Protein backbone atom coordinates (compact mmCIF):
# COMPACT_ATOMS: atom_id res chain seq x y z
CA MET A 1 0.00 0.00 0.00
CA LYS A 2 2.85 2.35 0.85
CA GLN A 3 4.50 1.69 -2.51
CA LYS A 4 1.26 2.40 -4.40
CA LEU A 5 0.83 5.67 -2.53
CA ILE A 6 4.42 6.71 -3.27
CA ALA A 7 3.99 5.76 -6.95
CA PHE A 8 0.77 7.83 -7.11
CA ILE A 9 2.48 10.87 -5.58
CA ASP A 10 5.39 10.51 -8.02
CA THR A 11 3.03 10.72 -11.01
CA LEU A 12 1.30 13.92 -9.88
CA VAL A 13 1.75 17.00 -12.08
CA LEU A 14 1.49 20.69 -11.24
CA TYR A 15 -2.20 20.79 -12.15
CA ASP A 16 -2.93 18.08 -9.58
CA TYR A 17 -1.37 20.15 -6.80
CA ILE A 18 -3.37 23.20 -7.92
CA LEU A 19 -6.56 21.13 -7.86
CA PHE A 20 -5.87 19.74 -4.38
CA GLY A 21 -5.00 23.23 -3.09
CA ALA A 22 -8.21 24.72 -4.54
CA VAL A 23 -10.29 21.95 -2.98
CA SER A 24 -8.64 22.58 0.40
CA VAL A 25 -9.31 26.32 0.18
CA LEU A 26 -12.97 25.73 -0.78
CA PHE A 27 -13.36 23.29 2.11
CA ILE A 28 -11.98 25.81 4.60
CA LEU A 29 -14.10 28.64 3.14
CA PHE A 30 -17.31 26.63 3.50
CA LEU A 31 -16.40 25.72 7.08
CA ILE A 32 -15.78 29.40 7.86
CA LEU A 33 -19.13 30.22 6.25
CA ALA A 34 -20.78 27.59 8.48
CA ILE A 35 -19.20 29.21 11.56
CA LEU A 36 -20.37 32.67 10.47
CA LEU A 37 -23.90 31.33 9.90
CA ARG A 38 -24.04 29.41 13.20
CA HIS A 39 -27.20 31.26 14.28
CA LYS A 40 -29.03 30.08 11.14
CA THR A 41 -28.96 26.35 11.74
CA ALA A 42 -30.22 25.15 8.36
CA LEU A 43 -27.73 27.25 6.37
CA SER A 44 -24.90 26.29 8.71
CA VAL A 45 -25.61 22.55 8.38
CA LEU A 46 -25.98 22.90 4.60
CA SER A 47 -22.63 24.70 4.44
CA VAL A 48 -20.93 21.93 6.44
CA LEU A 49 -22.46 19.26 4.18
CA ILE A 50 -21.29 21.11 1.06
CA ALA A 51 -17.80 21.46 2.59
CA PHE A 52 -17.49 17.73 3.20
CA LEU A 53 -18.90 16.88 -0.23
CA ILE A 54 -16.25 19.14 -1.75
CA LEU A 55 -13.58 17.47 0.40
CA ILE A 56 -14.63 13.96 -0.63
CA LEU A 57 -15.75 14.36 -4.25
CA GLY A 58 -13.59 17.29 -5.36
CA PRO A 59 -10.17 15.61 -5.51
CA THR A 60 -11.50 12.32 -6.89
CA LEU A 61 -13.75 13.60 -9.65
CA GLY A 62 -11.46 16.54 -10.38
CA TYR A 63 -8.43 14.26 -10.79
CA ILE A 64 -10.31 11.90 -13.12
CA LYS A 65 -11.83 14.63 -15.30
CA MET A 66 -8.64 16.68 -15.43
CA HIS A 67 -6.54 13.71 -16.53
CA GLN A 68 -9.12 12.78 -19.15
CA PHE A 69 -8.77 16.30 -20.53
CA LEU A 70 -4.99 16.71 -20.15
CA TYR A 71 -4.02 13.27 -21.46
CA LYS A 72 -6.70 12.70 -24.10
CA ASN A 73 -5.88 9.77 -26.35
CA GLU A 74 -7.49 7.51 -28.89
CA VAL A 75 -6.90 3.76 -29.18
CA ASN A 76 -7.95 2.01 -32.40
CA ILE A 77 -7.73 -1.70 -33.11
CA THR A 78 -6.62 -2.25 -36.69
CA LYS A 79 -6.42 -6.04 -36.58
CA ALA A 80 -7.59 -8.76 -34.22
CA GLN A 81 -6.67 -12.27 -35.33
CA LYS A 82 -6.94 -15.57 -33.54
CA LEU A 83 -3.71 -17.46 -34.12
CA GLU A 84 -3.90 -20.97 -35.57
CA PHE A 85 -1.14 -22.91 -33.84
CA THR A 86 -1.31 -21.24 -30.45
CA ASP A 87 -4.12 -20.36 -28.10
CA ALA A 88 -3.65 -16.63 -28.47
CA LEU A 89 -5.30 -13.60 -29.99
CA LEU A 90 -3.06 -11.10 -31.78
CA ILE A 91 -4.24 -7.50 -31.50
CA GLU A 92 -2.64 -4.75 -33.56
CA GLY A 93 -3.62 -1.14 -33.18
CA THR A 94 -2.62 2.49 -32.94
CA LEU A 95 -2.49 4.90 -30.04
CA LYS A 96 -2.94 8.55 -30.98
CA ASN A 97 -2.07 11.50 -28.73
CA ASN A 98 -5.00 13.94 -28.97
CA SER A 99 -3.79 16.21 -26.16
CA LYS A 100 -1.37 19.13 -26.10
CA MET A 101 1.10 17.37 -23.78
CA ASP A 102 3.81 14.80 -24.55
CA PHE A 103 3.14 11.24 -23.42
CA LEU A 104 6.15 9.68 -21.71
CA THR A 105 4.53 6.38 -20.75
CA CYS A 106 1.26 4.77 -21.77
CA ASN A 107 -0.46 1.70 -20.38
CA ILE A 108 -2.71 0.20 -23.06
CA LYS A 109 -5.44 -2.14 -21.81
CA VAL A 110 -7.47 -4.58 -23.89
CA ALA A 111 -10.33 -6.71 -22.61
CA ALA A 112 -12.37 -9.44 -24.31
CA TYR A 113 -15.94 -10.00 -23.26
CA LYS A 114 -18.77 -12.28 -24.34
CA VAL A 115 -21.62 -11.33 -26.67
CA SER A 116 -25.07 -12.91 -26.43
CA GLY A 117 -28.46 -12.27 -27.97
CA ASN A 118 -29.83 -11.14 -24.62
CA ARG A 119 -29.94 -7.35 -24.31
CA ILE A 120 -29.49 -7.34 -20.51
CA LYS A 121 -26.51 -9.71 -20.64
CA ASP A 122 -24.91 -7.60 -23.37
CA ILE A 123 -25.04 -4.63 -20.98
CA ILE A 124 -23.52 -6.64 -18.10
CA TYR A 125 -20.75 -8.56 -19.94
CA PRO A 126 -18.44 -5.55 -20.62
CA PHE A 127 -18.15 -5.02 -16.86
CA LYS A 128 -16.75 -8.52 -16.36
CA PRO A 129 -14.41 -9.42 -19.25
CA PHE A 130 -13.22 -13.01 -19.43
CA LYS A 131 -9.71 -12.07 -20.61
CA LYS A 132 -7.60 -8.95 -20.05
CA ALA A 133 -4.14 -7.87 -21.11
CA SER A 134 -2.08 -4.72 -20.92
CA LEU A 135 0.99 -3.31 -22.59
CA LYS A 136 3.24 -0.56 -21.30
CA LEU A 137 4.80 1.75 -23.90
CA ASP A 138 7.75 3.75 -22.61
CA THR A 139 8.34 5.78 -25.75
CA MET A 140 7.56 9.47 -26.08
CA ILE A 141 4.52 10.32 -28.18
CA LYS A 142 4.25 13.96 -29.19
CA PRO A 143 0.87 15.70 -29.68
CA LYS A 144 -1.03 14.59 -32.80
CA GLN A 145 1.37 11.65 -33.28
CA SER A 146 0.41 7.99 -33.41
CA LYS A 147 2.24 4.90 -32.23
CA LYS A 148 1.53 1.36 -33.44
CA PHE A 149 1.39 -1.52 -30.96
CA LYS A 150 0.97 -5.29 -30.91
CA LEU A 151 -0.53 -7.15 -28.00
CA PHE A 152 -1.27 -10.81 -27.32
CA LEU A 153 -4.22 -12.11 -25.31
CA GLU A 154 -3.11 -15.52 -24.17
CA PRO A 155 -4.24 -18.18 -23.43
CA PHE A 156 -7.34 -17.46 -25.50
CA HIS A 157 -9.60 -20.53 -25.85
CA TYR A 158 -12.93 -18.82 -26.45
CA SER A 159 -14.56 -19.99 -29.69
CA LYS A 160 -17.91 -18.16 -29.59
CA GLU A 161 -18.63 -14.53 -30.49
CA TYR A 162 -16.81 -11.88 -28.46
CA ASN A 163 -16.05 -8.16 -28.49
CA LEU A 164 -12.92 -6.23 -27.54
CA SER A 165 -12.71 -3.03 -25.54
CA THR A 166 -9.62 -0.85 -25.38
CA GLY A 167 -8.33 2.03 -23.37
CA ALA A 168 -5.09 3.75 -22.49
CA ASP A 169 -3.79 5.57 -19.44
CA CYS A 170 -1.01 7.92 -20.49
CA ARG A 171 1.27 10.31 -18.59
């Protein structure tokens, strides 16, 4: 747990510190507002609730949305082929940098999930893929550039219909 926390802190950028500082200032301001409105109970309690919602949701949602904006990327699968002599699925694709920042490392994730004729099951299956794989690219990708990748899902024994979902987490 300590190593994960240290790794998370090492990947923070300046914008993250600004976000966490702004959330802290808003939290303190709403608490001060609650103290100033202590004679109006309903407004004071509402101010305290808003302060704690900001403290809990602000850093989490802000971090996620900010990184989606700052490190916007696009992953396209160009080829997905089940290999004949091995139980593996070869996936070829491209990763495109759609942001204004350079990507130093990218973790590309691919998941395979079942497809059925049932509409409810087709909604549920993407949440629980039967096979996952990831690939870490440590090459720099400049804005508006693309990088090709190859990835193997192995062992891959599934013979029925399936779909693939992709995503990338870049820094």
